[in-house]
Amino acid sequence: MSENELSETQRLRGTGGASVVPLKRAKPHGVPAGASAPIQLVSSHVSFDHRELRAIFDLYGRMVAKGEWRDYAIDFLRDKAVFSVFRRTSEMPLYRIEKDPKLARRQGLYSVVATSGLVLKRGHELPRVLRVLDRSLRLVSA
């Protein structure tokens, strides 16, 4: 350790006998010593972001209030993210809301799949895809 690091370590040392040692961030290979490398987060799994989860949980909350849904599960897999909806915990999921990046350019990033495996709706916009599950009551005049 250099003198600067040693003095910083001594400064951070507590009275309980334990010490805190600052760690240096290693630079990636191929980056010059003086250059700062951009930080890249590499995720090995597909996940829902905050906006997507908000839209899904808004629908989930309405359906729980109606008494139609009672439980859910979220799976973040390597190739897709899945939000499964259950009527009872011990059953197969009623619906699966899937996010599959492989299908983003073709049929759409999002899909709603029924228990039987039938794709009910597929598209590029999550709120539009979720409308297939939101069976709200509408006034019908005769």
Protein backbone atom coordinates (compact mmCIF):
# COMPACT_ATOMS: atom_id res chain seq x y z
CA MET A 1 0.00 0.00 0.00
CA SER A 2 1.15 3.51 -0.70
CA GLU A 3 1.38 6.19 1.98
CA ASN A 4 -1.91 7.81 0.86
CA GLU A 5 -3.79 4.51 1.02
CA LEU A 6 -2.23 3.62 4.35
CA SER A 7 -3.19 6.92 5.92
CA GLU A 8 -6.75 6.55 4.58
CA THR A 9 -6.95 3.03 6.03
CA GLN A 10 -5.66 4.27 9.36
CA ARG A 11 -8.20 7.10 9.26
CA LEU A 12 -11.07 4.66 8.61
CA ARG A 13 -9.99 2.26 11.35
CA GLY A 14 -12.54 2.04 14.11
CA THR A 15 -12.04 1.79 17.84
CA GLY A 16 -13.41 -1.78 17.97
CA GLY A 17 -10.25 -3.26 16.46
CA ALA A 18 -11.80 -3.77 13.01
CA SER A 19 -10.64 -1.79 10.02
CA VAL A 20 -12.14 -0.75 6.72
CA VAL A 21 -9.90 -1.15 3.70
CA PRO A 22 -10.93 0.81 0.60
CA LEU A 23 -11.06 -1.30 -2.56
CA LYS A 24 -9.91 -0.13 -5.95
CA ARG A 25 -12.05 -0.77 -9.01
CA ALA A 26 -10.13 -2.74 -11.60
CA LYS A 27 -10.19 -1.42 -15.17
CA PRO A 28 -11.36 -3.73 -17.95
CA HIS A 29 -8.77 -5.18 -20.29
CA GLY A 30 -7.91 -3.01 -23.26
CA VAL A 31 -8.60 0.32 -21.52
CA PRO A 32 -5.58 2.62 -21.18
CA ALA A 33 -4.49 3.43 -17.61
CA GLY A 34 -5.50 7.12 -17.81
CA ALA A 35 -8.84 6.60 -19.56
CA SER A 36 -12.07 6.04 -17.74
CA ALA A 37 -14.09 3.07 -18.97
CA PRO A 38 -17.87 3.34 -19.30
CA ILE A 39 -19.70 1.19 -16.80
CA GLN A 40 -21.74 -1.50 -18.49
CA LEU A 41 -24.24 -3.60 -16.62
CA VAL A 42 -24.43 -7.06 -18.12
CA SER A 43 -27.55 -8.97 -17.19
CA SER A 44 -27.80 -12.67 -17.83
CA HIS A 45 -31.58 -12.64 -17.37
CA VAL A 46 -34.48 -10.79 -18.96
CA SER A 47 -36.58 -8.76 -16.51
CA PHE A 48 -39.47 -6.33 -16.37
CA ASP A 49 -38.62 -2.69 -15.80
CA HIS A 50 -40.43 -0.34 -13.40
CA ARG A 51 -43.00 0.91 -15.95
CA GLU A 52 -43.87 -2.61 -17.05
CA LEU A 53 -44.30 -3.84 -13.49
CA ARG A 54 -46.50 -0.85 -12.67
CA ALA A 55 -48.83 -1.65 -15.59
CA ILE A 56 -48.96 -5.34 -14.67
CA PHE A 57 -49.58 -4.70 -10.96
CA ASP A 58 -52.28 -2.12 -11.74
CA LEU A 59 -54.17 -4.80 -13.66
CA TYR A 60 -53.37 -7.42 -10.99
CA GLY A 61 -54.73 -5.17 -8.22
CA ARG A 62 -58.00 -4.59 -10.07
CA MET A 63 -58.47 -8.32 -10.68
CA VAL A 64 -57.70 -9.20 -7.03
CA ALA A 65 -60.26 -6.60 -5.94
CA LYS A 66 -62.83 -8.32 -8.18
CA GLY A 67 -61.92 -11.67 -6.59
CA GLU A 68 -60.77 -13.29 -9.85
CA TRP A 69 -57.04 -13.56 -9.14
CA ARG A 70 -55.38 -14.50 -5.86
CA ASP A 71 -51.69 -15.16 -6.42
CA TYR A 72 -48.83 -14.45 -8.83
CA ALA A 73 -45.30 -15.54 -9.62
CA ILE A 74 -42.50 -13.75 -11.45
CA ASP A 75 -39.77 -15.66 -13.27
CA PHE A 76 -36.72 -13.99 -14.80
CA LEU A 77 -35.24 -16.48 -17.22
CA ARG A 78 -32.33 -16.17 -19.65
CA ASP A 79 -34.53 -15.81 -22.71
CA LYS A 80 -37.72 -14.22 -21.29
CA ALA A 81 -39.45 -12.78 -18.24
CA VAL A 82 -42.77 -14.30 -17.16
CA PHE A 83 -45.47 -12.95 -14.83
CA SER A 84 -47.88 -15.81 -14.01
CA VAL A 85 -51.35 -15.25 -12.55
CA PHE A 86 -53.15 -17.86 -10.44
CA ARG A 87 -56.72 -18.26 -9.20
CA ARG A 88 -55.40 -20.50 -6.42
CA THR A 89 -51.80 -21.14 -5.46
CA SER A 90 -51.93 -24.88 -6.08
CA GLU A 91 -53.22 -24.60 -9.66
CA MET A 92 -51.66 -24.01 -13.03
CA PRO A 93 -51.44 -20.31 -13.93
CA LEU A 94 -54.55 -18.82 -15.52
CA TYR A 95 -52.46 -16.48 -17.66
CA ARG A 96 -48.82 -15.77 -18.32
CA ILE A 97 -47.64 -12.30 -19.30
CA GLU A 98 -44.35 -12.81 -21.13
CA LYS A 99 -41.61 -10.48 -22.26
CA ASP A 100 -39.48 -12.11 -24.97
CA PRO A 101 -36.78 -9.88 -26.52
CA LYS A 102 -36.25 -12.35 -29.40
CA LEU A 103 -39.71 -11.51 -30.73
CA ALA A 104 -39.37 -7.73 -30.31
CA ARG A 105 -38.91 -6.95 -34.00
CA ARG A 106 -41.28 -9.58 -35.36
CA GLN A 107 -44.51 -10.20 -33.48
CA GLY A 108 -43.98 -8.00 -30.47
CA LEU A 109 -42.04 -8.02 -27.24
CA TYR A 110 -45.05 -8.81 -25.02
CA SER A 111 -47.61 -11.61 -25.08
CA VAL A 112 -50.44 -12.96 -22.95
CA VAL A 113 -50.70 -16.75 -22.93
CA ALA A 114 -53.64 -18.78 -21.56
CA THR A 115 -53.36 -21.98 -19.51
CA SER A 116 -53.75 -24.10 -22.63
CA GLY A 117 -50.77 -22.39 -24.30
CA LEU A 118 -52.94 -20.32 -26.64
CA VAL A 119 -51.50 -16.85 -27.27
CA LEU A 120 -54.39 -14.46 -26.56
CA LYS A 121 -52.63 -11.25 -27.57
CA ARG A 122 -49.16 -10.26 -28.74
CA GLY A 123 -47.78 -6.81 -29.40
CA HIS A 124 -45.14 -4.13 -29.01
CA GLU A 125 -46.98 -2.09 -26.32
CA LEU A 126 -47.67 -3.67 -22.93
CA PRO A 127 -50.81 -1.65 -22.00
CA ARG A 128 -52.45 -2.62 -25.29
CA VAL A 129 -51.56 -6.29 -24.78
CA LEU A 130 -52.90 -6.26 -21.21
CA ARG A 131 -56.29 -4.98 -22.37
CA VAL A 132 -57.22 -8.52 -23.38
CA LEU A 133 -57.28 -9.45 -19.66
CA ASP A 134 -59.05 -6.33 -18.40
CA ARG A 135 -62.71 -7.21 -18.81
CA SER A 136 -64.21 -4.17 -17.16
CA LEU A 137 -67.97 -3.76 -17.05
CA ARG A 138 -69.45 -1.49 -19.67
CA LEU A 139 -72.89 0.05 -19.80
CA VAL A 140 -74.94 -1.40 -22.65
CA SER A 141 -78.08 0.44 -23.64
CA ALA A 142 -80.94 -1.44 -25.23
